[in-house]
Amino acid sequence: MLLVNCATHASLKTVYYDLPFPDRPGFERQTLVIVLVSDLHSDIYGKDQTPLLTRITEASPDIIVLAGDIFDDRAPHTGTRLLLAGIKKDLPGTPVFYVTGNHEYDGGKIDEILGELSDFGVTVLSDDYARLEINGVRLVVAGVEDPNKKLSDPSYDAGSADGQLKRAAGAGGYKILVCHRPDVARRYADYGFDLALSGHTHGGQVRLPPLINGLYAPGQGLFPRYSGGLYRVGNLTLVVSRGLTTRRPFFPRIWNPPELVVVRLG
């Protein structure tokens, strides 16, 4: 029983990745902190998201990235609204970027979701990119639509993103790609992005460290290649969050607690 309790322990943890800036002019002695939030599915931590919000603010992020499935297609959106309201209140002025996940489209309420994000001051990246400068570092943050966009727009072609993403990757500065599904990052690995941030996998749901990093992930099947953690895909560094929800799929996370990801560059 003790082993079962340890294996299914679902307390939130914060995972840190310390990465160097590329060896290119303009990145000497600079720092940047990115908080990656993925696959919340509108879960609520503690009272009014306080434990989650506390961890986010303690990281002192320069930017916050919401990598899809922040909303759920069946659960009420209360947990997501609490998170967005807390970020807006506790971290005013911090840039927040969002890309769609599959569940935002599965619920058939994407226009409502995008409207709420706009109300909270979140920048939605829909196969496009934004430029900004933080701590003296020029940044390009590009975002890829989830392929499930075809549910609301049957004419949508995922390949239509290529032109915008090539322009983003060709711009100066440090180039970040945000895509809900990590397998999509492989498609863009040769474009010239420095860092990709992703989720979707829920950590492969079942882990047996160090033997099995993930048992199953949607879109990748059994023993997924990108179930959670840090990867190199060509010259691209890929960080895959194991996500925050404990409700999906409908069996426990095993040796796989929900996580908030903090990427520290310097």
Foldseek 3Di string as FASTA:
>chain_A
DVQQCVFQPADEDAAEAEAEDDPDPQRPPFKFKEWEAEQCQLDADDPLNVVVLVVVVVSVHQAYEYQENLHALPDDNSSSLSVLVSCCVRPPPRAYEYEYDLRCVVNVPVVVVVVSCVVSVHHYADLAWDWDADRSFTEIEHEYHYPNVCSVPVVDDSVVSVVRVLVSQPDDTAYEYRHADVVVVLVCLPSRHAEYEYEQFLQLLEADPPPQRHQQGPPQGGRRPPRAAWDDNPNYIYGYASHADQPPPPDGRTNRHHYIYMYMYD
